[in-house]
């Protein structure tokens, strides 16, 4: 099962304070829009998302169809196929992708410790 590129989406209280903090660890802005309260930062192959007011909890995020630089992959497992696979394994989802669609979609599961897992396809 190929889930795509991985990042941690952090639920931050102050976007600018968090950006400044993570820059001290060598991260720099890669994508996002501060005026919309979100930024994606990278340090080499490590990626974190800073989201002010968008998530209740820090979230493990997988992006099918993207490489580690948000470049579209030629071949990947569609989010709807991944959703069917995890549901077949007995995983309960708290949000599901519409399986009648194509293109961008997402689903969300929660691990046994309450950590949200977002599988978010943008292509």
PDB file of N, CA and C in Angstrom:
ATOM      1  N   UNK A   1       0.847  -1.172   0.000  1.00  0.00           N
ATOM      2  CA  UNK A   1       0.000   0.000   0.000  1.00  0.00           C
ATOM      3  C   UNK A   1       0.895   1.238   0.000  1.00  0.00           C
ATOM      4  N   UNK A   2       0.806   2.036  -1.035  1.00  0.00           N
ATOM      5  CA  UNK A   2       1.608   3.253  -1.151  1.00  0.00           C
ATOM      6  C   UNK A   2       0.740   4.461  -0.778  1.00  0.00           C
ATOM      7  N   UNK A   3       1.043   5.090   0.344  1.00  0.00           N
ATOM      8  CA  UNK A   3       0.232   6.192   0.851  1.00  0.00           C
ATOM      9  C   UNK A   3       0.639   7.559   0.309  1.00  0.00           C
ATOM     10  N   UNK A   4       1.768   7.636  -0.357  1.00  0.00           N
ATOM     11  CA  UNK A   4       2.241   8.931  -0.850  1.00  0.00           C
ATOM     12  C   UNK A   4       3.181   9.585   0.132  1.00  0.00           C
ATOM     13  N   UNK A   5       3.511  10.827  -0.137  1.00  0.00           N
ATOM     14  CA  UNK A   5       4.462  11.538   0.716  1.00  0.00           C
ATOM     15  C   UNK A   5       3.856  11.794   2.095  1.00  0.00           C
ATOM     16  N   UNK A   6       4.717  11.878   3.108  1.00  0.00           N
ATOM     17  CA  UNK A   6       4.289  12.018   4.500  1.00  0.00           C
ATOM     18  C   UNK A   6       4.712  13.366   5.063  1.00  0.00           C
ATOM     19  N   UNK A   7       3.843  13.937   5.875  1.00  0.00           N
ATOM     20  CA  UNK A   7       4.188  15.133   6.651  1.00  0.00           C
ATOM     21  C   UNK A   7       3.376  15.124   7.933  1.00  0.00           C
ATOM     22  N   UNK A   8       3.750  15.993   8.833  1.00  0.00           N
ATOM     23  CA  UNK A   8       2.975  16.203  10.045  1.00  0.00           C
ATOM     24  C   UNK A   8       2.319  17.567   9.923  1.00  0.00           C
ATOM     25  N   UNK A   9       1.008  17.586  10.095  1.00  0.00           N
ATOM     26  CA  UNK A   9       0.257  18.837  10.062  1.00  0.00           C
ATOM     27  C   UNK A   9       0.037  19.270  11.508  1.00  0.00           C
ATOM     28  N   UNK A  10       0.647  20.393  11.872  1.00  0.00           N
ATOM     29  CA  UNK A  10       0.581  20.860  13.251  1.00  0.00           C
ATOM     30  C   UNK A  10      -0.529  21.885  13.424  1.00  0.00           C
ATOM     31  N   UNK A  11      -1.347  21.685  14.441  1.00  0.00           N
ATOM     32  CA  UNK A  11      -2.385  22.646  14.808  1.00  0.00           C
ATOM     33  C   UNK A  11      -1.710  23.700  15.690  1.00  0.00           C
ATOM     34  N   UNK A  12      -1.419  24.859  15.117  1.00  0.00           N
ATOM     35  CA  UNK A  12      -0.664  25.891  15.841  1.00  0.00           C
ATOM     36  C   UNK A  12      -1.589  27.006  16.323  1.00  0.00           C
ATOM     37  N   UNK A  13      -1.178  27.662  17.387  1.00  0.00           N
ATOM     38  CA  UNK A  13      -1.957  28.771  17.952  1.00  0.00           C
ATOM     39  C   UNK A  13      -1.591  30.098  17.305  1.00  0.00           C
ATOM     40  N   UNK A  14      -0.330  30.230  16.887  1.00  0.00           N
ATOM     41  CA  UNK A  14       0.157  31.486  16.302  1.00  0.00           C
ATOM     42  C   UNK A  14       1.082  31.120  15.143  1.00  0.00           C
ATOM     43  N   UNK A  15       0.577  31.279  13.928  1.00  0.00           N
ATOM     44  CA  UNK A  15       1.314  30.858  12.738  1.00  0.00           C
ATOM     45  C   UNK A  15       2.697  31.494  12.665  1.00  0.00           C
ATOM     46  N   UNK A  16       2.785  32.790  12.872  1.00  0.00           N
ATOM     47  CA  UNK A  16       4.065  33.485  12.748  1.00  0.00           C
ATOM     48  C   UNK A  16       5.052  33.021  13.816  1.00  0.00           C
ATOM     49  N   UNK A  17       4.585  32.841  15.043  1.00  0.00           N
ATOM     50  CA  UNK A  17       5.468  32.371  16.119  1.00  0.00           C
ATOM     51  C   UNK A  17       5.985  30.973  15.811  1.00  0.00           C
ATOM     52  N   UNK A  18       5.114  30.105  15.293  1.00  0.00           N
ATOM     53  CA  UNK A  18       5.532  28.746  14.950  1.00  0.00           C
ATOM     54  C   UNK A  18       6.505  28.749  13.784  1.00  0.00           C
ATOM     55  N   UNK A  19       6.245  29.565  12.767  1.00  0.00           N
ATOM     56  CA  UNK A  19       7.157  29.684  11.620  1.00  0.00           C
ATOM     57  C   UNK A  19       8.540  30.108  12.098  1.00  0.00           C
ATOM     58  N   UNK A  20       8.587  31.128  12.917  1.00  0.00           N
ATOM     59  CA  UNK A  20       9.860  31.630  13.435  1.00  0.00           C
ATOM     60  C   UNK A  20      10.588  30.551  14.236  1.00  0.00           C
ATOM     61  N   UNK A  21       9.847  29.817  15.052  1.00  0.00           N
ATOM     62  CA  UNK A  21      10.436  28.750  15.850  1.00  0.00           C
ATOM     63  C   UNK A  21      11.050  27.671  14.969  1.00  0.00           C
ATOM     64  N   UNK A  22      10.303  27.167  13.995  1.00  0.00           N
ATOM     65  CA  UNK A  22      10.808  26.074  13.157  1.00  0.00           C
ATOM     66  C   UNK A  22      11.912  26.523  12.213  1.00  0.00           C
ATOM     67  N   UNK A  23      11.959  27.790  11.874  1.00  0.00           N
ATOM     68  CA  UNK A  23      13.087  28.308  11.080  1.00  0.00           C
ATOM     69  C   UNK A  23      14.389  28.172  11.856  1.00  0.00           C
ATOM     70  N   UNK A  24      14.332  28.219  13.167  1.00  0.00           N
ATOM     71  CA  UNK A  24      15.521  28.047  13.999  1.00  0.00           C
ATOM     72  C   UNK A  24      16.061  26.624  13.933  1.00  0.00           C
ATOM     73  N   UNK A  25      15.232  25.682  13.450  1.00  0.00           N
ATOM     74  CA  UNK A  25      15.650  24.298  13.252  1.00  0.00           C
ATOM     75  C   UNK A  25      16.017  24.034  11.794  1.00  0.00           C
ATOM     76  N   UNK A  26      16.110  25.086  11.003  1.00  0.00           N
ATOM     77  CA  UNK A  26      16.524  24.944   9.611  1.00  0.00           C
ATOM     78  C   UNK A  26      15.396  24.764   8.618  1.00  0.00           C
ATOM     79  N   UNK A  27      14.154  24.857   9.055  1.00  0.00           N
ATOM     80  CA  UNK A  27      13.023  24.760   8.128  1.00  0.00           C
ATOM     81  C   UNK A  27      12.834  26.097   7.417  1.00  0.00           C
ATOM     82  N   UNK A  28      12.342  26.025   6.184  1.00  0.00           N
ATOM     83  CA  UNK A  28      12.000  27.241   5.449  1.00  0.00           C
ATOM     84  C   UNK A  28      10.670  27.021   4.731  1.00  0.00           C
ATOM     85  N   UNK A  29       9.997  28.127   4.435  1.00  0.00           N
ATOM     86  CA  UNK A  29       8.682  28.040   3.805  1.00  0.00           C
ATOM     87  C   UNK A  29       8.831  27.456   2.411  1.00  0.00           C
ATOM     88  N   UNK A  30       8.018  26.459   2.130  1.00  0.00           N
ATOM     89  CA  UNK A  30       8.012  25.754   0.860  1.00  0.00           C
ATOM     90  C   UNK A  30       6.743  26.076   0.069  1.00  0.00           C
ATOM     91  N   UNK A  31       5.650  26.221   0.781  1.00  0.00           N
ATOM     92  CA  UNK A  31       4.356  26.484   0.144  1.00  0.00           C
ATOM     93  C   UNK A  31       3.418  27.054   1.194  1.00  0.00           C
ATOM     94  N   UNK A  32       2.240  27.442   0.747  1.00  0.00           N
ATOM     95  CA  UNK A  32       1.227  27.913   1.673  1.00  0.00           C
ATOM     96  C   UNK A  32       0.938  29.385   1.504  1.00  0.00           C
ATOM     97  N   UNK A  33       0.049  29.861   2.355  1.00  0.00           N
ATOM     98  CA  UNK A  33      -0.380  31.251   2.298  1.00  0.00           C
ATOM     99  C   UNK A  33      -0.636  31.734   3.724  1.00  0.00           C
ATOM    100  N   UNK A  34       0.275  32.554   4.230  1.00  0.00           N
ATOM    101  CA  UNK A  34       0.157  33.035   5.607  1.00  0.00           C
ATOM    102  C   UNK A  34      -1.149  33.788   5.832  1.00  0.00           C
ATOM    103  N   UNK A  35      -1.632  34.506   4.820  1.00  0.00           N
ATOM    104  CA  UNK A  35      -2.892  35.255   4.977  1.00  0.00           C
ATOM    105  C   UNK A  35      -4.097  34.323   5.113  1.00  0.00           C
ATOM    106  N   UNK A  36      -3.921  33.051   4.736  1.00  0.00           N
ATOM    107  CA  UNK A  36      -4.971  32.044   4.899  1.00  0.00           C
ATOM    108  C   UNK A  36      -4.693  31.140   6.096  1.00  0.00           C
ATOM    109  N   UNK A  37      -3.665  31.493   6.880  1.00  0.00           N
ATOM    110  CA  UNK A  37      -3.308  30.793   8.125  1.00  0.00           C
ATOM    111  C   UNK A  37      -2.728  29.402   7.943  1.00  0.00           C
ATOM    112  N   UNK A  38      -1.981  29.191   6.836  1.00  0.00           N
ATOM    113  CA  UNK A  38      -1.300  27.903   6.694  1.00  0.00           C
ATOM    114  C   UNK A  38      -0.012  28.081   5.904  1.00  0.00           C
ATOM    115  N   UNK A  39       0.995  27.318   6.310  1.00  0.00           N
ATOM    116  CA  UNK A  39       2.291  27.284   5.633  1.00  0.00           C
ATOM    117  C   UNK A  39       2.821  25.857   5.668  1.00  0.00           C
ATOM    118  N   UNK A  40       3.553  25.487   4.620  1.00  0.00           N
ATOM    119  CA  UNK A  40       4.260  24.212   4.576  1.00  0.00           C
ATOM    120  C   UNK A  40       5.745  24.543   4.631  1.00  0.00           C
ATOM    121  N   UNK A  41       6.466  23.928   5.558  1.00  0.00           N
ATOM    122  CA  UNK A  41       7.892  24.160   5.723  1.00  0.00           C
ATOM    123  C   UNK A  41       8.656  22.869   5.451  1.00  0.00           C
ATOM    124  N   UNK A  42       9.856  23.029   4.909  1.00  0.00           N
ATOM    125  CA  UNK A  42      10.710  21.879   4.626  1.00  0.00           C
ATOM    126  C   UNK A  42      12.102  22.117   5.177  1.00  0.00           C
ATOM    127  N   UNK A  43      12.725  21.014   5.542  1.00  0.00           N
ATOM    128  CA  UNK A  43      14.137  20.968   5.892  1.00  0.00           C
ATOM    129  C   UNK A  43      14.635  19.681   5.259  1.00  0.00           C
ATOM    130  N   UNK A  44      15.260  19.794   4.084  1.00  0.00           N
ATOM    131  CA  UNK A  44      15.653  18.599   3.348  1.00  0.00           C
ATOM    132  C   UNK A  44      14.414  17.835   2.938  1.00  0.00           C
ATOM    133  N   UNK A  45      14.344  16.561   3.302  1.00  0.00           N
ATOM    134  CA  UNK A  45      13.184  15.729   2.974  1.00  0.00           C
ATOM    135  C   UNK A  45      12.102  15.789   4.045  1.00  0.00           C
ATOM    136  N   UNK A  46      12.332  16.530   5.121  1.00  0.00           N
ATOM    137  CA  UNK A  46      11.370  16.608   6.221  1.00  0.00           C
ATOM    138  C   UNK A  46      10.385  17.736   5.964  1.00  0.00           C
ATOM    139  N   UNK A  47       9.086  17.430   6.127  1.00  0.00           N
ATOM    140  CA  UNK A  47       8.042  18.406   5.842  1.00  0.00           C
ATOM    141  C   UNK A  47       7.086  18.509   7.023  1.00  0.00           C
ATOM    142  N   UNK A  48       6.770  19.742   7.388  1.00  0.00           N
ATOM    143  CA  UNK A  48       5.732  19.995   8.386  1.00  0.00           C
ATOM    144  C   UNK A  48       4.782  21.047   7.835  1.00  0.00           C
ATOM    145  N   UNK A  49       3.539  20.909   8.183  1.00  0.00           N
ATOM    146  CA  UNK A  49       2.547  21.921   7.846  1.00  0.00           C
ATOM    147  C   UNK A  49       2.140  22.640   9.117  1.00  0.00           C
ATOM    148  N   UNK A  50       2.037  23.953   9.021  1.00  0.00           N
ATOM    149  CA  UNK A  50       1.570  24.763  10.144  1.00  0.00           C
ATOM    150  C   UNK A  50       0.181  25.275   9.790  1.00  0.00           C
ATOM    151  N   UNK A  51      -0.807  24.948  10.618  1.00  0.00           N
ATOM    152  CA  UNK A  51      -2.193  25.300  10.330  1.00  0.00           C
ATOM    153  C   UNK A  51      -2.812  25.961  11.554  1.00  0.00           C
ATOM    154  N   UNK A  52      -3.065  27.244  11.447  1.00  0.00           N
ATOM    155  CA  UNK A  52      -3.675  27.984  12.550  1.00  0.00           C
ATOM    156  C   UNK A  52      -5.195  27.971  12.400  1.00  0.00           C
ATOM    157  N   UNK A  53      -5.865  27.381  13.385  1.00  0.00           N
ATOM    158  CA  UNK A  53      -7.317  27.380  13.404  1.00  0.00           C
ATOM    159  C   UNK A  53      -7.983  26.421  12.429  1.00  0.00           C
ATOM    160  N   UNK A  54      -7.244  25.484  11.854  1.00  0.00           N
ATOM    161  CA  UNK A  54      -7.819  24.566  10.869  1.00  0.00           C
ATOM    162  C   UNK A  54      -8.003  23.151  11.397  1.00  0.00           C
ATOM    163  N   UNK A  55      -7.136  22.717  12.291  1.00  0.00           N
ATOM    164  CA  UNK A  55      -7.207  21.380  12.857  1.00  0.00           C
ATOM    165  C   UNK A  55      -7.312  21.488  14.373  1.00  0.00           C
ATOM    166  N   UNK A  56      -8.033  20.538  14.981  1.00  0.00           N
ATOM    167  CA  UNK A  56      -8.099  20.500  16.438  1.00  0.00           C
ATOM    168  C   UNK A  56      -6.840  19.879  17.031  1.00  0.00           C
ATOM    169  N   UNK A  57      -6.278  18.912  16.308  1.00  0.00           N
ATOM    170  CA  UNK A  57      -5.118  18.171  16.805  1.00  0.00           C
ATOM    171  C   UNK A  57      -4.051  18.100  15.723  1.00  0.00           C
ATOM    172  N   UNK A  58      -2.823  17.839  16.149  1.00  0.00           N
ATOM    173  CA  UNK A  58      -1.771  17.529  15.192  1.00  0.00           C
ATOM    174  C   UNK A  58      -2.190  16.280  14.427  1.00  0.00           C
ATOM    175  N   UNK A  59      -1.874  16.240  13.140  1.00  0.00           N
ATOM    176  CA  UNK A  59      -2.386  15.195  12.263  1.00  0.00           C
ATOM    177  C   UNK A  59      -1.273  14.599  11.419  1.00  0.00           C
ATOM    178  N   UNK A  60      -1.255  13.268  11.308  1.00  0.00           N
ATOM    179  CA  UNK A  60      -0.358  12.589  10.378  1.00  0.00           C
ATOM    180  C   UNK A  60      -0.991  12.710   9.000  1.00  0.00           C
ATOM    181  N   UNK A  61      -0.236  13.190   8.030  1.00  0.00           N
ATOM    182  CA  UNK A  61      -0.803  13.452   6.704  1.00  0.00           C
ATOM    183  C   UNK A  61      -0.033  12.688   5.629  1.00  0.00           C
ATOM    184  N   UNK A  62      -0.779  12.032   4.758  1.00  0.00           N
ATOM    185  CA  UNK A  62      -0.231  11.335   3.602  1.00  0.00           C
ATOM    186  C   UNK A  62      -0.878  11.920   2.350  1.00  0.00           C
ATOM    187  N   UNK A  63      -0.074  12.138   1.313  1.00  0.00           N
ATOM    188  CA  UNK A  63      -0.575  12.717   0.066  1.00  0.00           C
ATOM    189  C   UNK A  63      -0.307  11.791  -1.112  1.00  0.00           C
ATOM    190  N   UNK A  64      -1.272  10.909  -1.437  1.00  0.00           N
ATOM    191  CA  UNK A  64      -1.118  10.065  -2.623  1.00  0.00           C
ATOM    192  C   UNK A  64      -0.980  10.932  -3.868  1.00  0.00           C
ATOM    193  N   UNK A  65      -0.108  10.500  -4.771  1.00  0.00           N
ATOM    194  CA  UNK A  65       0.060  11.213  -6.028  1.00  0.00           C
ATOM    195  C   UNK A  65       1.126  12.278  -6.015  1.00  0.00           C
ATOM    196  N   UNK A  66       1.719  12.538  -4.850  1.00  0.00           N
ATOM    197  CA  UNK A  66       2.768  13.554  -4.742  1.00  0.00           C
ATOM    198  C   UNK A  66       4.082  12.925  -4.326  1.00  0.00           C
ATOM    199  N   UNK A  67       5.186  13.490  -4.845  1.00  0.00           N
ATOM    200  CA  UNK A  67       6.497  13.162  -4.311  1.00  0.00           C
ATOM    201  C   UNK A  67       6.765  14.114  -3.139  1.00  0.00           C
ATOM    202  N   UNK A  68       7.942  14.063  -2.558  1.00  0.00           N
ATOM    203  CA  UNK A  68       8.235  14.862  -1.362  1.00  0.00           C
ATOM    204  C   UNK A  68       8.335  16.359  -1.634  1.00  0.00           C
ATOM    205  N   UNK A  69       8.307  16.755  -2.898  1.00  0.00           N
ATOM    206  CA  UNK A  69       8.323  18.182  -3.243  1.00  0.00           C
ATOM    207  C   UNK A  69       7.004  18.630  -3.864  1.00  0.00           C
ATOM    208  N   UNK A  70       5.935  17.886  -3.604  1.00  0.00           N
ATOM    209  CA  UNK A  70       4.587  18.177  -4.109  1.00  0.00           C
ATOM    210  C   UNK A  70       4.523  18.108  -5.632  1.00  0.00           C
ATOM    211  N   UNK A  71       5.432  17.330  -6.215  1.00  0.00           N
ATOM    212  CA  UNK A  71       5.394  17.081  -7.649  1.00  0.00           C
ATOM    213  C   UNK A  71       4.509  15.878  -7.923  1.00  0.00           C
ATOM    214  N   UNK A  72       3.725  15.939  -8.992  1.00  0.00           N
ATOM    215  CA  UNK A  72       2.811  14.853  -9.314  1.00  0.00           C
ATOM    216  C   UNK A  72       3.581  13.615  -9.766  1.00  0.00           C
ATOM    217  N   UNK A  73       3.209  12.470  -9.193  1.00  0.00           N
ATOM    218  CA  UNK A  73       3.791  11.194  -9.591  1.00  0.00           C
ATOM    219  C   UNK A  73       3.068  10.661 -10.814  1.00  0.00           C
ATOM    220  N   UNK A  74       3.807   9.977 -11.684  1.00  0.00           N
ATOM    221  CA  UNK A  74       3.190   9.376 -12.870  1.00  0.00           C
ATOM    222  C   UNK A  74       2.251   8.237 -12.498  1.00  0.00           C
ATOM    223  N   UNK A  75       2.629   7.465 -11.497  1.00  0.00           N
ATOM    224  CA  UNK A  75       1.812   6.334 -11.064  1.00  0.00           C
ATOM    225  C   UNK A  75       1.675   6.387  -9.543  1.00  0.00           C
ATOM    226  N   UNK A  76       0.456   6.160  -9.060  1.00  0.00           N
ATOM    227  CA  UNK A  76       0.208   6.148  -7.627  1.00  0.00           C
ATOM    228  C   UNK A  76      -1.123   5.445  -7.361  1.00  0.00           C
ATOM    229  N   UNK A  77      -1.339   5.073  -6.109  1.00  0.00           N
ATOM    230  CA  UNK A  77      -2.593   4.448  -5.708  1.00  0.00           C
ATOM    231  C   UNK A  77      -3.585   5.549  -5.353  1.00  0.00           C
ATOM    232  N   UNK A  78      -4.730   5.554  -6.018  1.00  0.00           N
ATOM    233  CA  UNK A  78      -5.750   6.571  -5.795  1.00  0.00           C
ATOM    234  C   UNK A  78      -6.299   6.498  -4.370  1.00  0.00           C
ATOM    235  N   UNK A  79      -6.644   7.640  -3.831  1.00  0.00           N
ATOM    236  CA  UNK A  79      -7.141   7.729  -2.455  1.00  0.00           C
ATOM    237  C   UNK A  79      -8.370   6.850  -2.232  1.00  0.00           C
ATOM    238  N   UNK A  80      -9.220   6.712  -3.236  1.00  0.00           N
ATOM    239  CA  UNK A  80     -10.416   5.878  -3.091  1.00  0.00           C
ATOM    240  C   UNK A  80     -10.046   4.401  -2.989  1.00  0.00           C
ATOM    241  N   UNK A  81      -9.001   3.985  -3.704  1.00  0.00           N
ATOM    242  CA  UNK A  81      -8.510   2.606  -3.588  1.00  0.00           C
ATOM    243  C   UNK A  81      -7.894   2.383  -2.207  1.00  0.00           C
ATOM    244  N   UNK A  82      -7.135   3.362  -1.720  1.00  0.00           N
ATOM    245  CA  UNK A  82      -6.563   3.256  -0.376  1.00  0.00           C
ATOM    246  C   UNK A  82      -7.669   3.171   0.668  1.00  0.00           C
ATOM    247  N   UNK A  83      -8.699   3.957   0.482  1.00  0.00           N
ATOM    248  CA  UNK A  83      -9.834   3.941   1.410  1.00  0.00           C
ATOM    249  C   UNK A  83     -10.484   2.555   1.452  1.00  0.00           C
ATOM    250  N   UNK A  84     -10.699   1.967   0.293  1.00  0.00           N
ATOM    251  CA  UNK A  84     -11.287   0.624   0.248  1.00  0.00           C
ATOM    252  C   UNK A  84     -10.382  -0.392   0.962  1.00  0.00           C
ATOM    253  N   UNK A  85      -9.066  -0.271   0.764  1.00  0.00           N
ATOM    254  CA  UNK A  85      -8.125  -1.203   1.396  1.00  0.00           C
ATOM    255  C   UNK A  85      -8.152  -1.100   2.919  1.00  0.00           C
ATOM    256  N   UNK A  86      -8.120   0.116   3.453  1.00  0.00           N
ATOM    257  CA  UNK A  86      -8.098   0.242   4.917  1.00  0.00           C
ATOM    258  C   UNK A  86      -9.445  -0.142   5.522  1.00  0.00           C
ATOM    259  N   UNK A  87     -10.539   0.151   4.821  1.00  0.00           N
ATOM    260  CA  UNK A  87     -11.852  -0.268   5.311  1.00  0.00           C
ATOM    261  C   UNK A  87     -11.956  -1.795   5.324  1.00  0.00           C
ATOM    262  N   UNK A  88     -11.381  -2.444   4.322  1.00  0.00           N
ATOM    263  CA  UNK A  88     -11.381  -3.908   4.276  1.00  0.00           C
ATOM    264  C   UNK A  88     -10.585  -4.501   5.441  1.00  0.00           C
ATOM    265  N   UNK A  89      -9.629  -3.734   5.953  1.00  0.00           N
ATOM    266  CA  UNK A  89      -8.845  -4.163   7.116  1.00  0.00           C
ATOM    267  C   UNK A  89      -9.560  -3.868   8.429  1.00  0.00           C
ATOM    268  N   UNK A  90     -10.747  -3.278   8.356  1.00  0.00           N
ATOM    269  CA  UNK A  90     -11.527  -3.009   9.559  1.00  0.00           C
ATOM    270  C   UNK A  90     -11.305  -1.643  10.171  1.00  0.00           C
ATOM    271  N   UNK A  91     -10.612  -0.762   9.470  1.00  0.00           N
ATOM    272  CA  UNK A  91     -10.377   0.583   9.985  1.00  0.00           C
ATOM    273  C   UNK A  91     -11.652   1.412   9.825  1.00  0.00           C
ATOM    274  N   UNK A  92     -12.076   2.045  10.922  1.00  0.00           N
ATOM    275  CA  UNK A  92     -13.228   2.942  10.862  1.00  0.00           C
ATOM    276  C   UNK A  92     -12.763   4.320  10.431  1.00  0.00           C
ATOM    277  N   UNK A  93     -13.530   4.925   9.552  1.00  0.00           N
ATOM    278  CA  UNK A  93     -13.202   6.258   9.058  1.00  0.00           C
ATOM    279  C   UNK A  93     -14.172   7.275   9.638  1.00  0.00           C
ATOM    280  N   UNK A  94     -13.653   8.461   9.955  1.00  0.00           N
ATOM    281  CA  UNK A  94     -14.525   9.523  10.463  1.00  0.00           C
ATOM    282  C   UNK A  94     -14.920  10.493   9.351  1.00  0.00           C
ATOM    283  N   UNK A  95     -14.245  10.402   8.226  1.00  0.00           N
ATOM    284  CA  UNK A  95     -14.604  11.144   7.012  1.00  0.00           C
ATOM    285  C   UNK A  95     -14.160  10.289   5.837  1.00  0.00           C
ATOM    286  N   UNK A  96     -14.977  10.263   4.787  1.00  0.00           N
ATOM    287  CA  UNK A  96     -14.674   9.407   3.649  1.00  0.00           C
ATOM    288  C   UNK A  96     -14.675  10.177   2.340  1.00  0.00           C
ATOM    289  N   UNK A  97     -13.855   9.691   1.406  1.00  0.00           N
ATOM    290  CA  UNK A  97     -13.859  10.203   0.040  1.00  0.00           C
ATOM    291  C   UNK A  97     -15.092   9.648  -0.672  1.00  0.00           C
ATOM    292  N   UNK A  98     -15.664  10.439  -1.549  1.00  0.00           N
ATOM    293  CA  UNK A  98     -16.786   9.989  -2.377  1.00  0.00           C
ATOM    294  C   UNK A  98     -16.210   9.069  -3.445  1.00  0.00           C
ATOM    295  N   UNK A  99     -16.561   7.801  -3.388  1.00  0.00           N
ATOM    296  CA  UNK A  99     -15.983   6.821  -4.298  1.00  0.00           C
ATOM    297  C   UNK A  99     -16.531   6.909  -5.714  1.00  0.00           C
ATOM    298  N   UNK A 100     -17.503   7.763  -5.947  1.00  0.00           N
ATOM    299  CA  UNK A 100     -18.035   7.947  -7.304  1.00  0.00           C
ATOM    300  C   UNK A 100     -17.298   9.036  -8.060  1.00  0.00           C
ATOM    301  N   UNK A 101     -16.310   9.682  -7.407  1.00  0.00           N
ATOM    302  CA  UNK A 101     -15.584  10.788  -8.024  1.00  0.00           C
ATOM    303  C   UNK A 101     -14.192  10.353  -8.451  1.00  0.00           C
ATOM    304  N   UNK A 102     -13.497  11.257  -9.123  1.00  0.00           N
ATOM    305  CA  UNK A 102     -12.087  11.083  -9.463  1.00  0.00           C
ATOM    306  C   UNK A 102     -11.356  12.354  -9.050  1.00  0.00           C
ATOM    307  N   UNK A 103     -10.030  12.283  -9.037  1.00  0.00           N
ATOM    308  CA  UNK A 103      -9.242  13.468  -8.712  1.00  0.00           C
ATOM    309  C   UNK A 103      -9.112  13.691  -7.218  1.00  0.00           C
ATOM    310  N   UNK A 104      -8.951  14.958  -6.820  1.00  0.00           N
ATOM    311  CA  UNK A 104      -8.725  15.268  -5.410  1.00  0.00           C
ATOM    312  C   UNK A 104      -9.840  14.751  -4.495  1.00  0.00           C
ATOM    313  N   UNK A 105      -9.423  14.185  -3.370  1.00  0.00           N
ATOM    314  CA  UNK A 105     -10.347  13.677  -2.359  1.00  0.00           C
ATOM    315  C   UNK A 105      -9.526  13.297  -1.132  1.00  0.00           C
ATOM    316  N   UNK A 106     -10.220  13.030  -0.031  1.00  0.00           N
ATOM    317  CA  UNK A 106      -9.504  12.657   1.187  1.00  0.00           C
ATOM    318  C   UNK A 106     -10.384  11.795   2.078  1.00  0.00           C
ATOM    319  N   UNK A 107      -9.718  11.117   3.012  1.00  0.00           N
ATOM    320  CA  UNK A 107     -10.418  10.421   4.083  1.00  0.00           C
ATOM    321  C   UNK A 107      -9.612  10.568   5.360  1.00  0.00           C
ATOM    322  N   UNK A 108     -10.294  10.355   6.493  1.00  0.00           N
ATOM    323  CA  UNK A 108      -9.658  10.525   7.798  1.00  0.00           C
ATOM    324  C   UNK A 108      -9.980   9.322   8.674  1.00  0.00           C
ATOM    325  N   UNK A 109      -8.955   8.814   9.324  1.00  0.00           N
ATOM    326  CA  UNK A 109      -9.092   7.779  10.347  1.00  0.00           C
ATOM    327  C   UNK A 109      -8.468   8.324  11.628  1.00  0.00           C
ATOM    328  N   UNK A 110      -8.701   7.646  12.731  1.00  0.00           N
ATOM    329  CA  UNK A 110      -8.095   8.028  14.009  1.00  0.00           C
ATOM    330  C   UNK A 110      -7.452   6.782  14.592  1.00  0.00           C
ATOM    331  N   UNK A 111      -6.171   6.891  14.978  1.00  0.00           N
ATOM    332  CA  UNK A 111      -5.479   5.723  15.524  1.00  0.00           C
ATOM    333  C   UNK A 111      -5.946   5.442  16.954  1.00  0.00           C
ATOM    334  N   UNK A 112      -5.529   4.327  17.552  1.00  0.00           N
ATOM    335  CA  UNK A 112      -6.006   3.956  18.892  1.00  0.00           C
ATOM    336  C   UNK A 112      -5.689   4.989  19.976  1.00  0.00           C
ATOM    337  N   UNK A 113      -4.728   5.868  19.724  1.00  0.00           N
ATOM    338  CA  UNK A 113      -4.374   6.893  20.702  1.00  0.00           C
ATOM    339  C   UNK A 113      -5.030   8.241  20.420  1.00  0.00           C
ATOM    340  N   UNK A 114      -5.927   8.268  19.437  1.00  0.00           N
ATOM    341  CA  UNK A 114      -6.643   9.499  19.138  1.00  0.00           C
ATOM    342  C   UNK A 114      -5.969  10.418  18.143  1.00  0.00           C
ATOM    343  N   UNK A 115      -4.901   9.950  17.496  1.00  0.00           N
ATOM    344  CA  UNK A 115      -4.199  10.772  16.510  1.00  0.00           C
ATOM    345  C   UNK A 115      -4.904  10.686  15.151  1.00  0.00           C
ATOM    346  N   UNK A 116      -5.318  11.809  14.599  1.00  0.00           N
ATOM    347  CA  UNK A 116      -5.946  11.785  13.278  1.00  0.00           C
ATOM    348  C   UNK A 116      -4.929  11.429  12.196  1.00  0.00           C
ATOM    349  N   UNK A 117      -5.398  10.674  11.216  1.00  0.00           N
ATOM    350  CA  UNK A 117      -4.595  10.330  10.040  1.00  0.00           C
ATOM    351  C   UNK A 117      -5.389  10.791   8.824  1.00  0.00           C
ATOM    352  N   UNK A 118      -4.825  11.757   8.118  1.00  0.00           N
ATOM    353  CA  UNK A 118      -5.457  12.339   6.939  1.00  0.00           C
ATOM    354  C   UNK A 118      -4.760  11.815   5.699  1.00  0.00           C
ATOM    355  N   UNK A 119      -5.522  11.190   4.807  1.00  0.00           N
ATOM    356  CA  UNK A 119      -4.998  10.772   3.516  1.00  0.00           C
ATOM    357  C   UNK A 119      -5.653  11.708   2.513  1.00  0.00           C
ATOM    358  N   UNK A 120      -4.852  12.628   1.980  1.00  0.00           N
ATOM    359  CA  UNK A 120      -5.348  13.799   1.256  1.00  0.00           C
ATOM    360  C   UNK A 120      -4.703  13.878  -0.126  1.00  0.00           C
ATOM    361  N   UNK A 121      -5.469  13.499  -1.140  1.00  0.00           N
ATOM    362  CA  UNK A 121      -4.968  13.492  -2.529  1.00  0.00           C
ATOM    363  C   UNK A 121      -5.338  14.814  -3.194  1.00  0.00           C
ATOM    364  N   UNK A 122      -4.339  15.477  -3.761  1.00  0.00           N
ATOM    365  CA  UNK A 122      -4.547  16.780  -4.415  1.00  0.00           C
ATOM    366  C   UNK A 122      -4.566  16.702  -5.931  1.00  0.00           C
ATOM    367  N   UNK A 123      -4.300  15.536  -6.505  1.00  0.00           N
ATOM    368  CA  UNK A 123      -4.241  15.396  -7.967  1.00  0.00           C
ATOM    369  C   UNK A 123      -5.323  14.454  -8.469  1.00  0.00           C
TER     370      UNK A 123
END
